[in-house]
């Protein structure tokens, strides 16, 4: 007897999963198929709510707040808003009680902050991500009440919060410690522009799970400008592995004290991401950290001094990259113009692939090097998998694509038959690449083919995958 094949969409679990990837229009259509499908796909319709959705529903359904929201509010899982009106009206509905993610950009208003606290406290048993952002104001205006993060006593559960972003707020150092205590699952903490007052410290709770911190040098080492002798915030995070940082002012100048504190409090840091204005980044890398695996910096911070500092981690580095203003640069149809203010040629960056033997990703999309300089330096990073770089004189889409086609063709030939030769055209172009006058595309492809594990390459337009 043959087994009867069952349609995967007959299973509620599959329908719920499919619903996560549908547009609202498609989810509504699915919900109308039959009664069995209705519950799963109606939940998909209501899963995510933002300002646009709130305004549209209010306009098309005058009874949205009074009738519709109480009926479907329990289905909402993600809220993202920058409209204070939503906080005081629509989003205060008691039916919204099972949120998993809440992102609010609010005005500098204590009443709005109180509304945020109400929403958080009502949903704290299910929230895993909270983002509260406020413009920079005087600290006395917006005091964050960390008690709203406490799980409800009757639920018997512990906090699920893994990602917390608090921008432009204020709390005491003891409240900060309490926050860490009541959120044991916290993994990422982003406290840009948030002031932690340290005049009275009776609690220095250590959070052993948190591994990613986003905070400026000023916030970490002088959390309270009125109490400059307070211990740094790094004392709270003994197992910190990733730190994204910058310097907001010139208040912090004692590099030696900073580097000692880093090594003493957070010896496990392996990833450093520097935003614009980072404190003397070369000094920080040279003195403050040991055995880094990943370093990210701003394009205008590149200098011979920084390269030398990065090379102190050459035996452990796996990723070196610069930040880009927009990820769309990796999906361009034309070779973009290099931004003004950067060095014209950057031969000094070639010391990175020539010295960092464990390097797997080198992403420097706003920096340009000559192919002649590349050929004169032996790259020792045999495990290189990702390369984003600009090459002088490879300045049109046609040239970039020709170079990548040669590389891809050569790589495919090798993977098909290790003993097989390259295609006739590729073989001719690559074999003659050492001769004077050889097209630059062939020289670039020949260099790329040295790295057997190289999979992703960007030379100015789109990322190619071999």
Protein backbone atom coordinates (compact mmCIF):
# COMPACT_ATOMS: atom_id res chain seq x y z
CA UNK A 1 0.00 0.00 0.00
CA UNK A 2 1.47 3.34 -0.98
CA UNK A 3 1.80 6.01 1.68
CA UNK A 4 -0.43 9.02 1.29
CA UNK A 5 1.58 12.18 0.71
CA UNK A 6 0.59 15.01 3.02
CA UNK A 7 0.70 18.64 1.98
CA UNK A 8 3.26 20.43 4.20
CA UNK A 9 0.82 23.33 4.60
CA UNK A 10 -1.56 20.98 6.39
CA UNK A 11 0.77 21.29 9.39
CA UNK A 12 0.17 24.39 11.59
CA UNK A 13 3.90 24.59 12.39
CA UNK A 14 4.75 24.88 8.69
CA UNK A 15 2.05 27.49 8.08
CA UNK A 16 3.34 29.59 10.97
CA UNK A 17 6.87 29.39 9.60
CA UNK A 18 5.79 30.28 6.06
CA UNK A 19 3.79 33.22 7.41
CA UNK A 20 7.00 34.87 8.67
CA UNK A 21 8.18 35.37 5.09
CA UNK A 22 4.96 36.64 3.50
CA UNK A 23 3.94 40.21 2.81
CA UNK A 24 0.89 41.46 4.71
CA UNK A 25 -1.15 41.29 1.51
CA UNK A 26 -0.21 37.66 0.88
CA UNK A 27 -0.76 36.69 4.51
CA UNK A 28 -4.27 38.17 4.38
CA UNK A 29 -5.01 36.16 1.23
CA UNK A 30 -3.84 32.96 2.94
CA UNK A 31 -5.93 33.71 6.02
CA UNK A 32 -9.03 33.73 3.82
CA UNK A 33 -8.41 30.25 2.39
CA UNK A 34 -10.14 28.33 5.17
CA UNK A 35 -10.83 28.33 8.90
CA UNK A 36 -7.81 26.12 9.64
CA UNK A 37 -5.45 28.57 7.95
CA UNK A 38 -7.00 31.67 9.49
CA UNK A 39 -5.38 31.53 12.92
CA UNK A 40 -1.85 30.93 11.65
CA UNK A 41 -1.86 33.54 8.90
CA UNK A 42 -3.79 36.22 10.83
CA UNK A 43 -0.99 35.99 13.41
CA UNK A 44 1.50 36.61 10.58
CA UNK A 45 -0.45 39.73 9.55
CA UNK A 46 -0.21 41.17 13.07
CA UNK A 47 3.31 39.98 13.93
CA UNK A 48 5.05 43.30 13.08
CA UNK A 49 3.59 46.76 13.72
CA UNK A 50 5.27 50.08 12.91
CA UNK A 51 4.20 53.71 12.50
CA UNK A 52 2.99 53.19 8.94
CA UNK A 53 0.84 50.22 9.90
CA UNK A 54 -0.68 52.07 12.87
CA UNK A 55 -1.58 55.13 10.80
CA UNK A 56 -3.03 53.02 7.98
CA UNK A 57 -5.16 50.91 10.32
CA UNK A 58 -6.41 53.99 12.17
CA UNK A 59 -7.35 55.65 8.88
CA UNK A 60 -9.09 52.64 7.34
CA UNK A 61 -10.65 51.34 10.57
CA UNK A 62 -11.93 54.11 12.89
CA UNK A 63 -12.61 51.48 15.54
CA UNK A 64 -9.00 50.26 15.43
CA UNK A 65 -8.11 51.15 19.05
CA UNK A 66 -11.54 50.43 20.55
CA UNK A 67 -12.41 47.13 18.85
CA UNK A 68 -9.76 45.72 16.48
CA UNK A 69 -6.60 46.15 18.59
CA UNK A 70 -8.06 44.50 21.73
CA UNK A 71 -9.01 41.51 19.56
CA UNK A 72 -5.64 41.05 17.85
CA UNK A 73 -3.13 42.79 20.15
CA UNK A 74 -2.01 39.48 21.67
CA UNK A 75 -0.70 38.45 18.23
CA UNK A 76 1.78 41.34 17.96
CA UNK A 77 5.40 40.27 18.49
CA UNK A 78 7.43 43.22 17.15
CA UNK A 79 6.76 46.96 17.56
CA UNK A 80 8.91 49.67 15.98
CA UNK A 81 7.87 53.29 16.34
CA UNK A 82 9.15 56.85 16.60
CA UNK A 83 5.73 58.37 17.19
CA UNK A 84 5.02 59.44 20.80
CA UNK A 85 1.30 59.50 19.99
CA UNK A 86 1.37 55.73 19.59
CA UNK A 87 2.81 55.33 23.10
CA UNK A 88 0.07 57.30 24.78
CA UNK A 89 -2.76 55.80 22.76
CA UNK A 90 -2.69 52.82 20.47
CA UNK A 91 0.26 50.93 21.99
CA UNK A 92 -0.97 51.28 25.57
CA UNK A 93 -3.69 48.73 24.91
CA UNK A 94 -3.58 45.96 27.51
CA UNK A 95 -3.99 43.27 24.84
CA UNK A 96 -0.41 43.91 23.69
CA UNK A 97 1.19 41.57 26.18
CA UNK A 98 3.38 39.08 24.29
CA UNK A 99 5.96 41.24 22.57
CA UNK A 100 9.35 39.82 21.74
CA UNK A 101 10.94 42.98 20.33
CA UNK A 102 10.26 46.65 21.12
CA UNK A 103 12.01 49.58 19.40
CA UNK A 104 10.98 53.14 20.30
CA UNK A 105 12.51 56.48 19.31
CA UNK A 106 10.93 58.93 21.69
CA UNK A 107 10.93 62.65 22.37
CA UNK A 108 12.77 64.05 25.39
CA UNK A 109 9.77 63.72 27.64
CA UNK A 110 9.47 61.96 31.01
CA UNK A 111 5.80 61.19 30.35
CA UNK A 112 6.69 59.34 27.17
CA UNK A 113 9.42 57.45 29.04
CA UNK A 114 6.83 56.40 31.61
CA UNK A 115 4.59 55.07 28.82
CA UNK A 116 7.59 53.09 27.52
CA UNK A 117 8.06 51.66 30.99
CA UNK A 118 4.42 50.54 31.12
CA UNK A 119 4.69 48.73 27.79
CA UNK A 120 7.97 47.07 28.78
CA UNK A 121 6.73 45.91 32.17
CA UNK A 122 3.55 44.43 30.67
CA UNK A 123 5.59 42.41 28.15
CA UNK A 124 8.78 41.74 30.11
CA UNK A 125 8.16 38.00 30.44
CA UNK A 126 8.39 37.56 26.64
CA UNK A 127 10.67 40.41 25.47
CA UNK A 128 14.11 39.41 24.20
CA UNK A 129 15.02 42.73 22.55
CA UNK A 130 14.43 46.32 23.75
CA UNK A 131 15.64 49.52 22.08
CA UNK A 132 14.86 52.93 23.63
CA UNK A 133 16.38 56.01 22.02
CA UNK A 134 16.11 59.63 23.09
CA UNK A 135 17.86 62.79 21.88
CA UNK A 136 20.72 64.00 24.04
CA UNK A 137 19.28 66.01 26.94
CA UNK A 138 20.37 67.05 30.40
CA UNK A 139 20.56 63.92 32.59
CA UNK A 140 18.01 65.23 35.10
CA UNK A 141 15.18 64.93 32.57
CA UNK A 142 15.10 61.23 31.69
CA UNK A 143 15.78 58.84 34.54
CA UNK A 144 15.32 55.24 33.44
CA UNK A 145 13.53 53.02 35.94
CA UNK A 146 15.28 49.63 35.69
CA UNK A 147 12.56 47.95 37.76
CA UNK A 148 10.37 47.78 34.63
CA UNK A 149 12.79 45.06 33.46
CA UNK A 150 11.98 42.80 36.41
CA UNK A 151 9.95 39.68 35.45
CA UNK A 152 6.52 39.42 37.03
CA UNK A 153 6.69 37.61 40.38
CA UNK A 154 3.60 35.49 39.64
CA UNK A 155 5.09 34.16 36.39
CA UNK A 156 8.02 32.46 38.11
CA UNK A 157 10.15 33.09 35.01
CA UNK A 158 13.50 34.81 34.55
CA UNK A 159 14.17 37.59 32.08
CA UNK A 160 14.65 36.54 28.44
CA UNK A 161 16.16 39.89 27.50
CA UNK A 162 19.26 39.31 25.34
CA UNK A 163 19.64 42.70 23.58
CA UNK A 164 19.21 46.04 25.36
CA UNK A 165 19.73 49.47 23.79
CA UNK A 166 19.36 52.59 25.97
CA UNK A 167 20.35 55.84 24.23
CA UNK A 168 20.34 59.28 25.85
CA UNK A 169 18.99 58.19 29.24
CA UNK A 170 20.24 58.33 32.81
CA UNK A 171 20.54 55.94 35.76
CA UNK A 172 22.58 55.54 38.94
CA UNK A 173 25.48 53.11 39.17
CA UNK A 174 23.54 51.00 41.65
CA UNK A 175 20.59 50.88 39.24
CA UNK A 176 22.98 49.85 36.49
CA UNK A 177 24.13 46.94 38.66
CA UNK A 178 20.53 46.03 39.41
CA UNK A 179 19.78 46.02 35.67
CA UNK A 180 22.56 43.48 35.15
CA UNK A 181 21.30 41.35 38.01
CA UNK A 182 17.69 41.11 36.82
CA UNK A 183 18.69 40.44 33.18
CA UNK A 184 20.90 37.32 33.40
CA UNK A 185 20.38 36.40 29.72
CA UNK A 186 21.71 39.75 28.45
CA UNK A 187 24.29 39.33 25.67
CA UNK A 188 24.44 42.77 24.02
CA UNK A 189 24.30 46.16 25.79
CA UNK A 190 24.24 49.44 23.84
CA UNK A 191 24.38 52.54 26.07
CA UNK A 192 25.38 55.31 23.67
CA UNK A 193 24.96 58.74 25.36
CA UNK A 194 23.48 57.19 28.50
CA UNK A 195 24.86 58.60 31.76
CA UNK A 196 25.62 56.27 34.67
CA UNK A 197 25.92 58.36 37.84
CA UNK A 198 28.61 57.00 40.16
CA UNK A 199 28.57 59.33 43.17
CA UNK A 200 27.33 56.55 45.48
CA UNK A 201 28.33 52.97 44.65
CA UNK A 202 27.23 50.11 46.87
CA UNK A 203 26.80 47.48 44.17
CA UNK A 204 29.23 46.41 41.43
CA UNK A 205 27.36 43.42 40.02
CA UNK A 206 29.33 41.40 37.48
CA UNK A 207 27.48 40.03 34.47
CA UNK A 208 29.25 36.91 33.24
CA UNK A 209 27.14 36.28 30.15
CA UNK A 210 27.26 39.67 28.44
CA UNK A 211 29.83 39.53 25.65
CA UNK A 212 29.14 42.61 23.49
CA UNK A 213 29.29 46.22 24.67
CA UNK A 214 28.59 49.37 22.63
CA UNK A 215 29.79 52.37 24.63
CA UNK A 216 32.23 55.24 24.22
CA UNK A 217 35.58 55.50 25.95
CA UNK A 218 34.17 58.41 27.97
CA UNK A 219 31.17 56.43 29.21
CA UNK A 220 33.23 53.42 30.21
CA UNK A 221 36.11 55.14 32.00
CA UNK A 222 34.37 58.30 33.25
CA UNK A 223 30.72 57.23 33.52
CA UNK A 224 30.04 60.24 35.75
CA UNK A 225 31.90 63.49 35.08
CA UNK A 226 31.26 64.55 38.70
CA UNK A 227 32.97 61.45 40.08
CA UNK A 228 36.13 60.82 38.06
CA UNK A 229 37.56 58.29 40.53
CA UNK A 230 34.72 55.81 40.09
CA UNK A 231 35.74 52.40 38.73
CA UNK A 232 35.21 51.88 35.01
CA UNK A 233 32.18 50.04 33.70
CA UNK A 234 34.46 47.27 32.45
CA UNK A 235 34.51 45.89 36.01
CA UNK A 236 30.97 44.64 35.39
CA UNK A 237 31.86 42.50 32.35
CA UNK A 238 34.62 39.96 33.06
CA UNK A 239 33.72 37.83 30.02
CA UNK A 240 33.36 40.63 27.48
CA UNK A 241 34.58 39.55 24.03
CA UNK A 242 33.38 42.35 21.70
CA UNK A 243 33.62 46.08 22.24
CA UNK A 244 32.42 48.77 19.84
CA UNK A 245 33.79 52.10 21.00
CA UNK A 246 34.72 55.69 20.17
CA UNK A 247 35.72 58.88 21.98
CA UNK A 248 32.98 61.46 22.40
CA UNK A 249 35.16 64.16 23.99
CA UNK A 250 38.70 64.94 25.11
CA UNK A 251 37.91 64.27 28.77
CA UNK A 252 39.78 60.94 28.77
CA UNK A 253 43.51 61.23 28.10
CA UNK A 254 45.26 58.73 30.35
CA UNK A 255 45.91 55.99 27.82
CA UNK A 256 48.10 54.01 30.21
CA UNK A 257 45.37 53.75 32.85
CA UNK A 258 42.84 52.76 30.21
CA UNK A 259 44.97 49.99 28.76
CA UNK A 260 45.73 48.58 32.23
CA UNK A 261 42.03 48.52 33.04
CA UNK A 262 41.20 46.73 29.80
CA UNK A 263 43.76 43.99 30.39
CA UNK A 264 42.79 43.55 34.03
CA UNK A 265 38.99 43.59 33.68
CA UNK A 266 38.36 42.12 30.22
CA UNK A 267 41.20 39.84 29.15
CA UNK A 268 38.90 37.86 26.83
CA UNK A 269 38.16 40.67 24.35
CA UNK A 270 38.90 39.43 20.84
CA UNK A 271 36.90 41.90 18.72
CA UNK A 272 37.32 45.68 18.62
CA UNK A 273 35.19 47.92 16.40
CA UNK A 274 36.19 51.57 16.33
CA UNK A 275 33.68 54.23 15.39
CA UNK A 276 34.57 57.75 14.28
CA UNK A 277 36.70 59.56 16.86
CA UNK A 278 38.08 56.51 18.66
CA UNK A 279 40.70 57.30 21.27
CA UNK A 280 44.19 57.08 19.70
CA UNK A 281 43.33 53.77 18.11
CA UNK A 282 46.94 52.68 17.48
CA UNK A 283 47.78 53.10 21.18
CA UNK A 284 44.65 51.26 22.20
CA UNK A 285 45.45 48.32 19.93
CA UNK A 286 49.13 48.24 20.82
CA UNK A 287 48.87 48.57 24.60
CA UNK A 288 45.31 47.66 25.58
CA UNK A 289 44.56 44.37 23.87
CA UNK A 290 46.21 41.02 23.32
CA UNK A 291 45.55 38.41 20.65
CA UNK A 292 42.68 40.13 18.84
CA UNK A 293 40.84 38.12 16.21
CA UNK A 294 38.84 40.96 14.60
CA UNK A 295 39.54 44.65 14.12
CA UNK A 296 37.18 47.13 12.43
CA UNK A 297 38.10 50.80 11.95
CA UNK A 298 37.04 53.88 9.99
CA UNK A 299 38.60 54.43 6.54
CA UNK A 300 40.08 57.81 7.52
CA UNK A 301 41.83 56.23 10.51
CA UNK A 302 44.14 54.18 8.30
CA UNK A 303 47.78 55.15 8.70
CA UNK A 304 51.20 53.44 8.81
CA UNK A 305 51.04 53.76 12.61
CA UNK A 306 47.70 51.96 12.74
CA UNK A 307 48.99 49.20 10.45
CA UNK A 308 51.94 48.64 12.79
CA UNK A 309 49.59 48.47 15.78
CA UNK A 310 47.35 45.95 13.99
CA UNK A 311 50.39 43.80 13.21
CA UNK A 312 51.00 43.24 16.93
CA UNK A 313 48.04 40.83 16.63
CA UNK A 314 49.26 39.19 13.42
CA UNK A 315 49.34 35.67 14.87
CA UNK A 316 45.65 35.69 15.86
CA UNK A 317 43.90 38.10 13.48
CA UNK A 318 41.22 36.58 11.26
CA UNK A 319 39.32 39.71 10.19
CA UNK A 320 40.48 43.21 9.30
CA UNK A 321 37.92 45.57 7.84
CA UNK A 322 36.86 49.18 7.54
CA UNK A 323 33.32 50.45 8.06
CA UNK A 324 31.41 51.56 4.98
CA UNK A 325 28.74 54.29 4.89
CA UNK A 326 26.27 51.96 3.18
CA UNK A 327 26.24 48.23 2.46
CA UNK A 328 24.83 48.99 -1.00
CA UNK A 329 28.40 49.61 -2.09
CA UNK A 330 28.75 45.83 -2.38
CA UNK A 331 25.85 45.68 -4.87
CA UNK A 332 26.85 48.52 -7.18
CA UNK A 333 26.45 48.45 -10.96
CA UNK A 334 29.27 50.98 -11.43
CA UNK A 335 32.65 51.41 -9.77
CA UNK A 336 32.02 54.19 -7.22
CA UNK A 337 34.35 57.14 -6.89
CA UNK A 338 36.63 56.98 -3.88
CA UNK A 339 35.69 59.52 -1.18
CA UNK A 340 37.79 62.65 -0.86
CA UNK A 341 40.32 62.94 1.94
CA UNK A 342 41.72 59.40 1.79
CA UNK A 343 45.33 58.66 0.73
CA UNK A 344 45.65 58.13 -3.02
CA UNK A 345 47.61 54.88 -2.69
CA UNK A 346 47.81 52.56 0.30
CA UNK A 347 50.74 50.21 -0.26
CA UNK A 348 51.25 50.00 3.52
CA UNK A 349 48.05 47.95 3.94
CA UNK A 350 49.74 45.13 2.01
CA UNK A 351 51.67 44.33 5.19
CA UNK A 352 48.40 42.98 6.61
CA UNK A 353 47.95 40.02 4.22
CA UNK A 354 51.71 39.49 4.08
CA UNK A 355 52.10 39.19 7.87
CA UNK A 356 48.74 38.01 9.25
CA UNK A 357 48.97 34.31 8.46
CA UNK A 358 45.53 33.39 9.86
CA UNK A 359 43.65 36.14 8.02
CA UNK A 360 40.33 35.01 6.54
CA UNK A 361 38.66 38.31 5.74
CA UNK A 362 40.28 41.49 4.42
CA UNK A 363 37.69 44.15 3.66
CA UNK A 364 39.05 47.57 2.68
CA UNK A 365 36.56 48.72 0.01
CA UNK A 366 37.45 52.43 0.23
CA UNK A 367 41.18 51.92 -0.23
CA UNK A 368 43.07 51.44 -3.47
CA UNK A 369 46.36 49.66 -4.22
CA UNK A 370 48.40 49.10 -7.38
CA UNK A 371 48.58 45.61 -8.88
CA UNK A 372 52.36 46.12 -9.20
CA UNK A 373 52.61 46.62 -5.42
CA UNK A 374 50.44 43.54 -4.79
CA UNK A 375 52.72 41.41 -6.97
CA UNK A 376 55.81 42.61 -5.12
CA UNK A 377 54.52 41.47 -1.71
CA UNK A 378 53.94 37.81 -0.87
CA UNK A 379 50.60 37.27 0.84
CA UNK A 380 50.94 34.65 3.59
CA UNK A 381 47.24 34.32 4.41
CA UNK A 382 46.59 30.97 2.74
CA UNK A 383 43.17 30.63 4.43
CA UNK A 384 41.80 33.89 2.97
CA UNK A 385 38.08 33.51 2.21
CA UNK A 386 36.79 37.08 1.71
CA UNK A 387 38.53 39.96 -0.07
CA UNK A 388 37.10 43.45 -0.62
CA UNK A 389 39.59 45.88 -2.13
CA UNK A 390 40.04 48.44 -4.92
CA UNK A 391 42.84 48.10 -7.47
CA UNK A 392 44.33 51.06 -9.29
CA UNK A 393 43.43 51.18 -13.02
CA UNK A 394 40.65 48.63 -12.58
CA UNK A 395 38.13 51.43 -12.77
CA UNK A 396 35.24 50.28 -14.98
CA UNK A 397 32.58 47.64 -14.46
CA UNK A 398 33.72 45.82 -17.59
CA UNK A 399 37.30 45.56 -16.29
CA UNK A 400 36.18 44.39 -12.87
CA UNK A 401 33.88 41.74 -14.27
CA UNK A 402 36.51 40.51 -16.74
CA UNK A 403 39.01 40.02 -13.91
CA UNK A 404 36.45 38.18 -11.80
CA UNK A 405 35.34 36.01 -14.71
CA UNK A 406 38.94 34.90 -15.23
CA UNK A 407 39.29 34.13 -11.53
CA UNK A 408 35.98 32.26 -11.42
CA UNK A 409 36.79 30.30 -14.56
CA UNK A 410 40.17 29.28 -13.21
CA UNK A 411 38.70 28.27 -9.87
CA UNK A 412 35.98 26.16 -11.49
CA UNK A 413 38.50 24.39 -13.73
CA UNK A 414 40.57 23.42 -10.74
CA UNK A 415 37.58 22.21 -8.71
CA UNK A 416 36.24 20.10 -11.61
CA UNK A 417 39.48 18.24 -12.21
CA UNK A 418 42.60 18.88 -10.20
CA UNK A 419 44.67 17.66 -13.15
CA UNK A 420 42.72 19.62 -15.75
CA UNK A 421 44.08 22.78 -17.30
CA UNK A 422 42.20 26.05 -17.42
CA UNK A 423 40.03 27.03 -20.36
CA UNK A 424 42.02 28.13 -23.40
CA UNK A 425 41.27 31.81 -22.95
CA UNK A 426 41.94 31.79 -19.19
CA UNK A 427 45.09 29.73 -19.66
CA UNK A 428 46.51 32.17 -22.18
CA UNK A 429 45.63 35.24 -20.13
CA UNK A 430 47.01 33.86 -16.86
CA UNK A 431 50.11 32.21 -18.27
CA UNK A 432 51.20 35.46 -19.85
CA UNK A 433 50.39 37.63 -16.84
CA UNK A 434 54.05 38.09 -15.99
CA UNK A 435 54.81 39.52 -19.42
CA UNK A 436 55.02 43.23 -19.99
CA UNK A 437 51.80 44.68 -21.33
CA UNK A 438 49.58 41.89 -20.01
CA UNK A 439 46.06 43.16 -19.27
CA UNK A 440 45.57 44.12 -15.64
CA UNK A 441 42.52 41.85 -15.44
CA UNK A 442 44.68 38.75 -15.98
CA UNK A 443 47.23 39.89 -13.41
CA UNK A 444 44.51 40.40 -10.83
CA UNK A 445 42.95 37.00 -11.58
CA UNK A 446 46.31 35.26 -11.30
CA UNK A 447 46.84 36.79 -7.87
CA UNK A 448 43.38 35.72 -6.67
CA UNK A 449 43.93 32.14 -7.82
CA UNK A 450 46.76 31.75 -5.31
CA UNK A 451 44.15 31.41 -2.55
CA UNK A 452 42.38 28.08 -2.75
CA UNK A 453 39.82 28.94 -0.05
CA UNK A 454 38.89 32.35 -1.47
CA UNK A 455 35.11 32.43 -2.02
CA UNK A 456 33.93 36.04 -2.00
CA UNK A 457 35.64 38.87 -3.90
CA UNK A 458 34.69 42.50 -4.38
CA UNK A 459 36.78 44.76 -6.63
CA UNK A 460 34.45 47.73 -7.04
CA UNK A 461 30.99 46.56 -8.14
CA UNK A 462 29.16 43.46 -6.89
CA UNK A 463 30.48 40.72 -4.63
CA UNK A 464 31.33 37.62 -6.66
CA UNK A 465 31.11 34.16 -5.21
CA UNK A 466 33.22 31.40 -6.73
